[in-house]
Every structure is written in C-alpha cells, then in structure tokens.
C-alpha cells in the first residue's frame, strides 16, 4: 500500500496486519505542543532522550528502530482538536514532518549505506473524512499525498 494521508469515512473499521505498528493519536488529548509531545512519546514508546520538539520528532519518525515492525500506521482521531490551542504553524509543522517521514521510508536508501540497516517501509496516516485535514494538506501543498478511500 502506498504511503500517504488516507482520508476515510471508515476510520474505525480499518485493520492493519501483524507487521504494522498501529498508533492512534487522539487530538482531544494533544491540544497543545507539550501535551502533543508527551502523548506521542508514550504511544510510540520513544526512548527517554527524545527532545520533545519538532526537529527531534523528525528524527524519531525517520528511525523507529526500537519498534520491531516493518510498517507504521498513524490514525488521527479528532483531527480538528489536534494542536487547536496553538497557531496553525504548529499543526502544519507536524503534517510536514509526517510527509517527510513518508518520503524517507519509501525511498530507502536516502544516503549511502542506509539500506544496510533499513528497508523501504509503509508509513501511512489515516484521518476521518469529516475533518479539516484535506483543506490543511491542500494549503500546505501536500495534496499529492492525499488518498481518498
């Protein structure tokens, strides 16, 4: 399955296989940057040295070596509540980091030697159709990653 932002009305019914790490991000629990990074660190089982900032998140999502899975599926519920207490730039930063991670995971090797320890992997994001995610992705010029189901 292609990496991308899957927009679906069947959000609750999507299942993943045993090789895919499924993470459910609940926007209602991640309304500000601090809560966002805390929740993400817990759900992704990120090692303690995680810096809880956008640069560190980019590095984490391009690694994920501590998780013994071949693919990764992020389910975002309550998207409209995600980072709602912050300026839109915070949410846009997160979406751009997800986009960059999709690119990194589908284009291994990204640099010489990377293919010795990392393989091409699925990195998908699922969101509910009745949210503003499509408009946000279009505004950020990430609409080439939108996959409607």
N, C-alpha and C. Protein backbone atom coordinates (compact mmCIF):
# COMPACT_ATOMS: atom_id res chain seq x y z
N UNK A 1 0.84 -1.17 0.00
CA UNK A 1 0.00 0.00 0.00
C UNK A 1 0.89 1.25 0.00
N UNK A 2 0.49 2.22 -0.74
CA UNK A 2 1.27 3.45 -0.93
C UNK A 2 1.28 4.31 0.34
N UNK A 3 2.42 4.95 0.61
CA UNK A 3 2.50 5.88 1.72
C UNK A 3 1.69 7.12 1.39
N UNK A 4 0.98 7.65 2.36
CA UNK A 4 0.18 8.84 2.12
C UNK A 4 -0.77 9.13 3.25
N UNK A 5 -1.58 10.16 3.06
CA UNK A 5 -2.63 10.55 4.00
C UNK A 5 -3.93 9.93 3.49
N UNK A 6 -4.40 8.91 4.16
CA UNK A 6 -5.62 8.22 3.77
C UNK A 6 -6.80 8.89 4.47
N UNK A 7 -7.69 9.44 3.68
CA UNK A 7 -8.86 10.12 4.22
C UNK A 7 -10.05 9.18 4.01
N UNK A 8 -10.71 8.83 5.10
CA UNK A 8 -11.72 7.78 5.02
C UNK A 8 -12.92 8.05 5.92
N UNK A 9 -14.04 7.53 5.53
CA UNK A 9 -15.22 7.57 6.39
C UNK A 9 -15.33 6.27 7.17
N UNK A 10 -14.47 5.31 6.89
CA UNK A 10 -14.46 4.00 7.55
C UNK A 10 -13.35 3.92 8.60
N UNK A 11 -13.06 5.01 9.23
CA UNK A 11 -11.92 5.14 10.15
C UNK A 11 -11.84 4.00 11.18
N UNK A 12 -12.95 3.72 11.84
CA UNK A 12 -12.95 2.72 12.91
C UNK A 12 -12.78 1.30 12.40
N UNK A 13 -13.07 1.06 11.14
CA UNK A 13 -13.06 -0.29 10.59
C UNK A 13 -11.75 -0.69 9.93
N UNK A 14 -10.79 0.19 9.89
CA UNK A 14 -9.53 -0.12 9.22
C UNK A 14 -8.66 -1.00 10.12
N UNK A 15 -8.23 -2.10 9.57
CA UNK A 15 -7.37 -3.01 10.31
C UNK A 15 -5.99 -3.04 9.65
N UNK A 16 -4.99 -3.33 10.45
CA UNK A 16 -3.63 -3.45 9.92
C UNK A 16 -3.13 -4.87 10.22
N UNK A 17 -2.13 -5.30 9.47
CA UNK A 17 -1.60 -6.64 9.68
C UNK A 17 -0.62 -6.67 10.85
N UNK A 18 -0.14 -7.85 11.18
CA UNK A 18 0.75 -8.04 12.33
C UNK A 18 2.13 -7.41 12.13
N UNK A 19 2.48 -7.04 10.91
CA UNK A 19 3.77 -6.43 10.64
C UNK A 19 3.73 -4.90 10.75
N UNK A 20 2.55 -4.36 11.03
CA UNK A 20 2.35 -2.91 11.06
C UNK A 20 2.10 -2.43 12.48
N UNK A 21 2.87 -1.44 12.89
CA UNK A 21 2.66 -0.80 14.19
C UNK A 21 1.56 0.24 14.03
N UNK A 22 0.50 0.07 14.80
CA UNK A 22 -0.65 0.97 14.73
C UNK A 22 -0.63 1.91 15.93
N UNK A 23 -0.66 3.19 15.64
CA UNK A 23 -0.69 4.18 16.70
C UNK A 23 -1.91 5.07 16.49
N UNK A 24 -2.68 5.24 17.55
CA UNK A 24 -3.86 6.10 17.50
C UNK A 24 -3.55 7.38 18.24
N UNK A 25 -3.57 8.48 17.50
CA UNK A 25 -3.33 9.80 18.08
C UNK A 25 -4.68 10.48 18.24
N UNK A 26 -5.03 10.79 19.46
CA UNK A 26 -6.31 11.41 19.75
C UNK A 26 -6.12 12.91 19.94
N UNK A 27 -6.61 13.68 18.97
CA UNK A 27 -6.45 15.12 19.01
C UNK A 27 -6.95 15.75 20.29
N UNK A 28 -7.99 15.20 20.86
CA UNK A 28 -8.54 15.77 22.10
C UNK A 28 -7.54 15.70 23.25
N UNK A 29 -6.56 14.80 23.18
CA UNK A 29 -5.53 14.67 24.21
C UNK A 29 -4.23 15.39 23.84
N UNK A 30 -4.23 16.06 22.68
CA UNK A 30 -3.00 16.65 22.15
C UNK A 30 -3.26 18.07 21.66
N UNK A 31 -3.92 18.88 22.48
CA UNK A 31 -4.37 20.19 22.04
C UNK A 31 -3.29 21.27 22.09
N UNK A 32 -2.22 21.04 22.84
CA UNK A 32 -1.10 21.98 22.84
C UNK A 32 0.19 21.20 22.59
N UNK A 33 1.26 21.93 22.33
CA UNK A 33 2.52 21.29 21.94
C UNK A 33 3.06 20.37 23.03
N UNK A 34 2.99 20.79 24.27
CA UNK A 34 3.50 19.96 25.37
C UNK A 34 2.74 18.64 25.47
N UNK A 35 1.41 18.72 25.47
CA UNK A 35 0.59 17.51 25.54
C UNK A 35 0.81 16.64 24.31
N UNK A 36 0.98 17.27 23.16
CA UNK A 36 1.23 16.55 21.91
C UNK A 36 2.47 15.67 22.04
N UNK A 37 3.58 16.27 22.44
CA UNK A 37 4.84 15.51 22.52
C UNK A 37 4.79 14.46 23.62
N UNK A 38 4.13 14.75 24.73
CA UNK A 38 4.01 13.76 25.80
C UNK A 38 3.22 12.54 25.33
N UNK A 39 2.09 12.80 24.70
CA UNK A 39 1.24 11.71 24.21
C UNK A 39 1.96 10.90 23.14
N UNK A 40 2.61 11.57 22.22
CA UNK A 40 3.32 10.89 21.15
C UNK A 40 4.46 10.04 21.70
N UNK A 41 5.20 10.58 22.64
CA UNK A 41 6.31 9.83 23.24
C UNK A 41 5.80 8.55 23.90
N UNK A 42 4.69 8.65 24.58
CA UNK A 42 4.12 7.47 25.24
C UNK A 42 3.61 6.46 24.22
N UNK A 43 2.85 6.91 23.25
CA UNK A 43 2.23 5.98 22.29
C UNK A 43 3.26 5.32 21.38
N UNK A 44 4.33 6.04 21.05
CA UNK A 44 5.38 5.48 20.18
C UNK A 44 6.50 4.80 20.97
N UNK A 45 6.35 4.82 22.29
CA UNK A 45 7.37 4.19 23.15
C UNK A 45 8.76 4.76 22.85
N UNK A 46 8.81 6.07 22.67
CA UNK A 46 10.05 6.75 22.30
C UNK A 46 11.03 6.71 23.47
N UNK A 47 12.29 6.41 23.20
CA UNK A 47 13.30 6.41 24.27
C UNK A 47 13.35 7.75 25.01
N UNK A 48 13.81 7.71 26.24
CA UNK A 48 13.80 8.88 27.13
C UNK A 48 14.54 10.10 26.60
N UNK A 49 15.52 9.90 25.74
CA UNK A 49 16.30 11.04 25.25
C UNK A 49 15.56 11.89 24.21
N UNK A 50 14.33 11.55 23.90
CA UNK A 50 13.52 12.31 22.94
C UNK A 50 13.42 13.77 23.39
N UNK A 51 13.80 14.69 22.52
CA UNK A 51 13.87 16.11 22.86
C UNK A 51 12.54 16.84 22.93
N UNK A 52 11.45 16.20 22.54
CA UNK A 52 10.11 16.79 22.58
C UNK A 52 10.04 18.13 21.87
N UNK A 53 10.57 18.15 20.64
CA UNK A 53 10.46 19.32 19.77
C UNK A 53 10.34 18.81 18.34
N UNK A 54 10.09 19.71 17.41
CA UNK A 54 9.81 19.28 16.03
C UNK A 54 11.01 18.62 15.37
N UNK A 55 12.20 19.15 15.59
CA UNK A 55 13.39 18.52 14.99
C UNK A 55 13.58 17.10 15.50
N UNK A 56 13.40 16.93 16.81
CA UNK A 56 13.55 15.60 17.41
C UNK A 56 12.48 14.65 16.88
N UNK A 57 11.27 15.16 16.68
CA UNK A 57 10.20 14.31 16.14
C UNK A 57 10.55 13.83 14.74
N UNK A 58 11.09 14.71 13.91
CA UNK A 58 11.50 14.30 12.58
C UNK A 58 12.53 13.18 12.63
N UNK A 59 13.48 13.29 13.52
CA UNK A 59 14.50 12.25 13.67
C UNK A 59 13.88 10.94 14.15
N UNK A 60 12.99 11.04 15.12
CA UNK A 60 12.34 9.85 15.67
C UNK A 60 11.55 9.11 14.59
N UNK A 61 10.74 9.86 13.82
CA UNK A 61 9.91 9.21 12.81
C UNK A 61 10.72 8.63 11.66
N UNK A 62 11.93 9.07 11.49
CA UNK A 62 12.81 8.51 10.47
C UNK A 62 13.67 7.38 11.00
N UNK A 63 13.48 7.04 12.26
CA UNK A 63 14.25 5.96 12.87
C UNK A 63 13.32 4.81 13.25
N UNK A 64 12.62 4.94 14.36
CA UNK A 64 11.68 3.93 14.86
C UNK A 64 12.30 2.54 15.00
N UNK A 65 13.63 2.48 15.14
CA UNK A 65 14.33 1.20 15.21
C UNK A 65 14.00 0.41 16.48
N UNK A 66 13.53 1.05 17.52
CA UNK A 66 13.19 0.36 18.76
C UNK A 66 11.86 -0.39 18.64
N UNK A 67 11.11 -0.11 17.59
CA UNK A 67 9.86 -0.83 17.34
C UNK A 67 10.14 -1.95 16.34
N UNK A 68 9.76 -3.13 16.65
CA UNK A 68 10.06 -4.28 15.81
C UNK A 68 8.92 -4.52 14.82
N UNK A 69 8.74 -3.55 13.92
CA UNK A 69 7.68 -3.64 12.91
C UNK A 69 8.24 -3.24 11.55
N UNK A 70 7.58 -3.73 10.50
CA UNK A 70 8.00 -3.42 9.14
C UNK A 70 7.32 -2.18 8.58
N UNK A 71 6.14 -1.85 9.12
CA UNK A 71 5.35 -0.74 8.61
C UNK A 71 4.73 0.02 9.77
N UNK A 72 4.26 1.23 9.48
CA UNK A 72 3.73 2.10 10.53
C UNK A 72 2.45 2.77 10.03
N UNK A 73 1.42 2.76 10.88
CA UNK A 73 0.14 3.37 10.53
C UNK A 73 -0.28 4.29 11.67
N UNK A 74 -0.43 5.56 11.34
CA UNK A 74 -0.86 6.56 12.30
C UNK A 74 -2.33 6.87 12.05
N UNK A 75 -3.15 6.70 13.07
CA UNK A 75 -4.57 7.02 12.99
C UNK A 75 -4.81 8.28 13.80
N UNK A 76 -5.29 9.33 13.16
CA UNK A 76 -5.54 10.59 13.86
C UNK A 76 -7.04 10.75 14.04
N UNK A 77 -7.47 10.65 15.29
CA UNK A 77 -8.88 10.93 15.57
C UNK A 77 -8.98 12.35 16.12
N UNK A 78 -10.13 12.94 16.00
CA UNK A 78 -10.34 14.32 16.47
C UNK A 78 -9.30 15.27 15.90
N UNK A 79 -9.04 15.14 14.60
CA UNK A 79 -8.02 15.97 13.95
C UNK A 79 -8.22 17.46 14.23
N UNK A 80 -9.46 17.92 14.21
CA UNK A 80 -9.71 19.35 14.40
C UNK A 80 -9.33 19.85 15.80
N UNK A 81 -9.20 18.92 16.76
CA UNK A 81 -8.77 19.30 18.12
C UNK A 81 -7.25 19.21 18.29
N UNK A 82 -6.60 18.52 17.37
CA UNK A 82 -5.15 18.35 17.43
C UNK A 82 -4.46 19.70 17.36
N UNK A 83 -3.70 20.04 18.38
CA UNK A 83 -2.95 21.30 18.47
C UNK A 83 -3.84 22.54 18.29
N UNK A 84 -5.10 22.44 18.67
CA UNK A 84 -6.03 23.55 18.46
C UNK A 84 -5.73 24.76 19.34
N UNK A 85 -4.98 24.58 20.41
CA UNK A 85 -4.63 25.70 21.29
C UNK A 85 -3.39 26.44 20.79
N UNK A 86 -2.86 25.98 19.68
CA UNK A 86 -1.64 26.56 19.11
C UNK A 86 -1.94 27.25 17.79
N UNK A 87 -1.01 28.03 17.32
CA UNK A 87 -1.13 28.63 15.99
C UNK A 87 -1.09 27.51 14.96
N UNK A 88 -1.69 27.75 13.79
CA UNK A 88 -1.74 26.74 12.73
C UNK A 88 -0.34 26.27 12.35
N UNK A 89 0.66 27.10 12.50
CA UNK A 89 2.03 26.73 12.13
C UNK A 89 2.49 25.47 12.87
N UNK A 90 1.99 25.26 14.08
CA UNK A 90 2.38 24.06 14.84
C UNK A 90 1.81 22.80 14.18
N UNK A 91 0.55 22.86 13.80
CA UNK A 91 -0.07 21.71 13.14
C UNK A 91 0.56 21.50 11.76
N UNK A 92 0.84 22.58 11.07
CA UNK A 92 1.46 22.45 9.75
C UNK A 92 2.85 21.84 9.86
N UNK A 93 3.57 22.17 10.89
CA UNK A 93 4.90 21.57 11.12
C UNK A 93 4.77 20.05 11.27
N UNK A 94 3.79 19.62 12.05
CA UNK A 94 3.56 18.19 12.25
C UNK A 94 3.21 17.50 10.93
N UNK A 95 2.31 18.09 10.15
CA UNK A 95 1.93 17.48 8.87
C UNK A 95 3.11 17.39 7.91
N UNK A 96 3.94 18.42 7.90
CA UNK A 96 5.13 18.40 7.03
C UNK A 96 6.14 17.36 7.48
N UNK A 97 6.26 17.15 8.79
CA UNK A 97 7.15 16.12 9.32
C UNK A 97 6.64 14.73 8.92
N UNK A 98 5.32 14.53 9.00
CA UNK A 98 4.75 13.26 8.55
C UNK A 98 5.03 13.03 7.07
N UNK A 99 4.86 14.07 6.27
CA UNK A 99 5.12 13.97 4.84
C UNK A 99 6.58 13.60 4.57
N UNK A 100 7.49 14.25 5.27
CA UNK A 100 8.92 13.96 5.10
C UNK A 100 9.24 12.52 5.51
N UNK A 101 8.60 12.05 6.58
CA UNK A 101 8.84 10.67 7.02
C UNK A 101 8.32 9.67 5.98
N UNK A 102 7.18 9.97 5.38
CA UNK A 102 6.66 9.09 4.32
C UNK A 102 7.69 8.98 3.19
N UNK A 103 8.24 10.11 2.82
CA UNK A 103 9.22 10.14 1.74
C UNK A 103 10.47 9.35 2.12
N UNK A 104 10.97 9.57 3.33
CA UNK A 104 12.16 8.85 3.78
C UNK A 104 11.95 7.33 3.77
N UNK A 105 10.79 6.88 4.28
CA UNK A 105 10.55 5.45 4.39
C UNK A 105 10.32 4.78 3.04
N UNK A 106 9.81 5.51 2.06
CA UNK A 106 9.58 4.86 0.77
C UNK A 106 10.75 4.99 -0.19
N UNK A 107 11.77 5.75 0.19
CA UNK A 107 12.90 5.98 -0.71
C UNK A 107 14.23 5.49 -0.17
N UNK A 108 14.21 4.47 0.68
CA UNK A 108 15.47 3.90 1.18
C UNK A 108 16.22 3.31 0.00
N UNK A 109 17.50 3.53 -0.19
CA UNK A 109 18.36 4.33 0.69
C UNK A 109 18.30 5.83 0.36
N UNK A 110 18.25 6.64 1.40
CA UNK A 110 18.28 8.08 1.26
C UNK A 110 19.71 8.60 1.26
N UNK A 111 20.64 7.77 1.68
CA UNK A 111 22.06 8.10 1.66
C UNK A 111 22.84 6.79 1.64
N UNK A 112 24.08 6.84 1.25
CA UNK A 112 24.91 5.65 1.10
C UNK A 112 25.00 4.87 2.41
N UNK A 113 24.74 3.59 2.33
CA UNK A 113 24.85 2.70 3.49
C UNK A 113 23.55 2.52 4.27
N UNK A 114 22.58 3.37 4.03
CA UNK A 114 21.34 3.28 4.81
C UNK A 114 20.63 1.95 4.58
N UNK A 115 20.69 1.42 3.38
CA UNK A 115 19.99 0.18 3.07
C UNK A 115 20.58 -1.03 3.79
N UNK A 116 21.72 -0.85 4.46
CA UNK A 116 22.31 -1.95 5.23
C UNK A 116 21.56 -2.20 6.53
N UNK A 117 20.83 -1.20 7.02
CA UNK A 117 20.11 -1.38 8.29
C UNK A 117 18.63 -0.99 8.21
N UNK A 118 18.17 -0.51 7.08
CA UNK A 118 16.78 -0.08 6.98
C UNK A 118 16.22 -0.44 5.61
N UNK A 119 14.99 -0.88 5.59
CA UNK A 119 14.33 -1.26 4.35
C UNK A 119 13.20 -0.29 4.04
N UNK A 120 12.77 -0.27 2.78
CA UNK A 120 11.61 0.50 2.39
C UNK A 120 10.43 0.00 3.22
N UNK A 121 9.66 0.93 3.79
CA UNK A 121 8.55 0.55 4.66
C UNK A 121 7.33 1.41 4.42
N UNK A 122 6.19 0.86 4.79
CA UNK A 122 4.96 1.61 4.73
C UNK A 122 4.87 2.59 5.88
N UNK A 123 4.49 3.80 5.58
CA UNK A 123 4.30 4.84 6.59
C UNK A 123 3.04 5.60 6.16
N UNK A 124 1.92 5.22 6.76
CA UNK A 124 0.64 5.78 6.34
C UNK A 124 -0.03 6.52 7.49
N UNK A 125 -0.80 7.53 7.13
CA UNK A 125 -1.57 8.30 8.09
C UNK A 125 -3.04 8.22 7.68
N UNK A 126 -3.89 7.86 8.64
CA UNK A 126 -5.32 7.77 8.39
C UNK A 126 -6.03 8.86 9.18
N UNK A 127 -6.99 9.50 8.55
CA UNK A 127 -7.78 10.54 9.22
C UNK A 127 -9.22 10.44 8.76
N UNK A 128 -10.09 10.92 9.60
CA UNK A 128 -11.52 10.91 9.30
C UNK A 128 -11.85 11.94 8.23
N UNK A 129 -12.75 11.56 7.34
CA UNK A 129 -13.13 12.42 6.22
C UNK A 129 -13.76 13.73 6.66
N UNK A 130 -14.49 13.75 7.74
CA UNK A 130 -15.25 14.95 8.13
C UNK A 130 -14.44 15.93 8.98
N UNK A 131 -13.18 16.04 8.71
CA UNK A 131 -12.32 17.00 9.42
C UNK A 131 -11.71 17.97 8.41
N UNK A 132 -10.91 18.88 8.90
CA UNK A 132 -10.27 19.88 8.03
C UNK A 132 -8.93 19.44 7.48
N UNK A 133 -8.56 18.19 7.63
CA UNK A 133 -7.23 17.76 7.22
C UNK A 133 -7.01 17.94 5.72
N UNK A 134 -8.02 17.69 4.90
CA UNK A 134 -7.85 17.84 3.46
C UNK A 134 -7.52 19.29 3.12
N UNK A 135 -8.28 20.23 3.69
CA UNK A 135 -8.03 21.64 3.44
C UNK A 135 -6.63 22.04 3.91
N UNK A 136 -6.22 21.51 5.06
CA UNK A 136 -4.89 21.83 5.59
C UNK A 136 -3.80 21.29 4.68
N UNK A 137 -3.96 20.07 4.20
CA UNK A 137 -2.96 19.48 3.31
C UNK A 137 -2.88 20.24 1.99
N UNK A 138 -4.01 20.69 1.49
CA UNK A 138 -4.01 21.48 0.25
C UNK A 138 -3.29 22.80 0.49
N UNK A 139 -3.58 23.45 1.61
CA UNK A 139 -2.93 24.73 1.93
C UNK A 139 -1.41 24.57 2.01
N UNK A 140 -0.97 23.43 2.52
CA UNK A 140 0.47 23.17 2.67
C UNK A 140 1.09 22.57 1.40
N UNK A 141 0.29 22.45 0.36
CA UNK A 141 0.72 21.87 -0.91
C UNK A 141 1.19 20.42 -0.76
N UNK A 142 0.49 19.70 0.12
CA UNK A 142 0.76 18.28 0.33
C UNK A 142 -0.37 17.43 -0.24
N UNK A 143 -1.20 18.02 -1.06
CA UNK A 143 -2.36 17.31 -1.60
C UNK A 143 -1.97 16.15 -2.52
N UNK A 144 -0.73 16.11 -2.98
CA UNK A 144 -0.28 14.97 -3.78
C UNK A 144 -0.19 13.70 -2.95
N UNK A 145 -0.23 13.82 -1.64
CA UNK A 145 -0.18 12.68 -0.74
C UNK A 145 -1.57 12.20 -0.30
N UNK A 146 -2.62 12.92 -0.67
CA UNK A 146 -3.96 12.56 -0.23
C UNK A 146 -4.46 11.35 -1.01
N UNK A 147 -4.92 10.37 -0.28
CA UNK A 147 -5.51 9.18 -0.87
C UNK A 147 -6.89 9.02 -0.24
N UNK A 148 -7.93 9.21 -1.03
CA UNK A 148 -9.30 9.11 -0.53
C UNK A 148 -9.77 7.66 -0.63
N UNK A 149 -10.41 7.21 0.42
CA UNK A 149 -10.97 5.84 0.42
C UNK A 149 -12.47 5.91 0.53
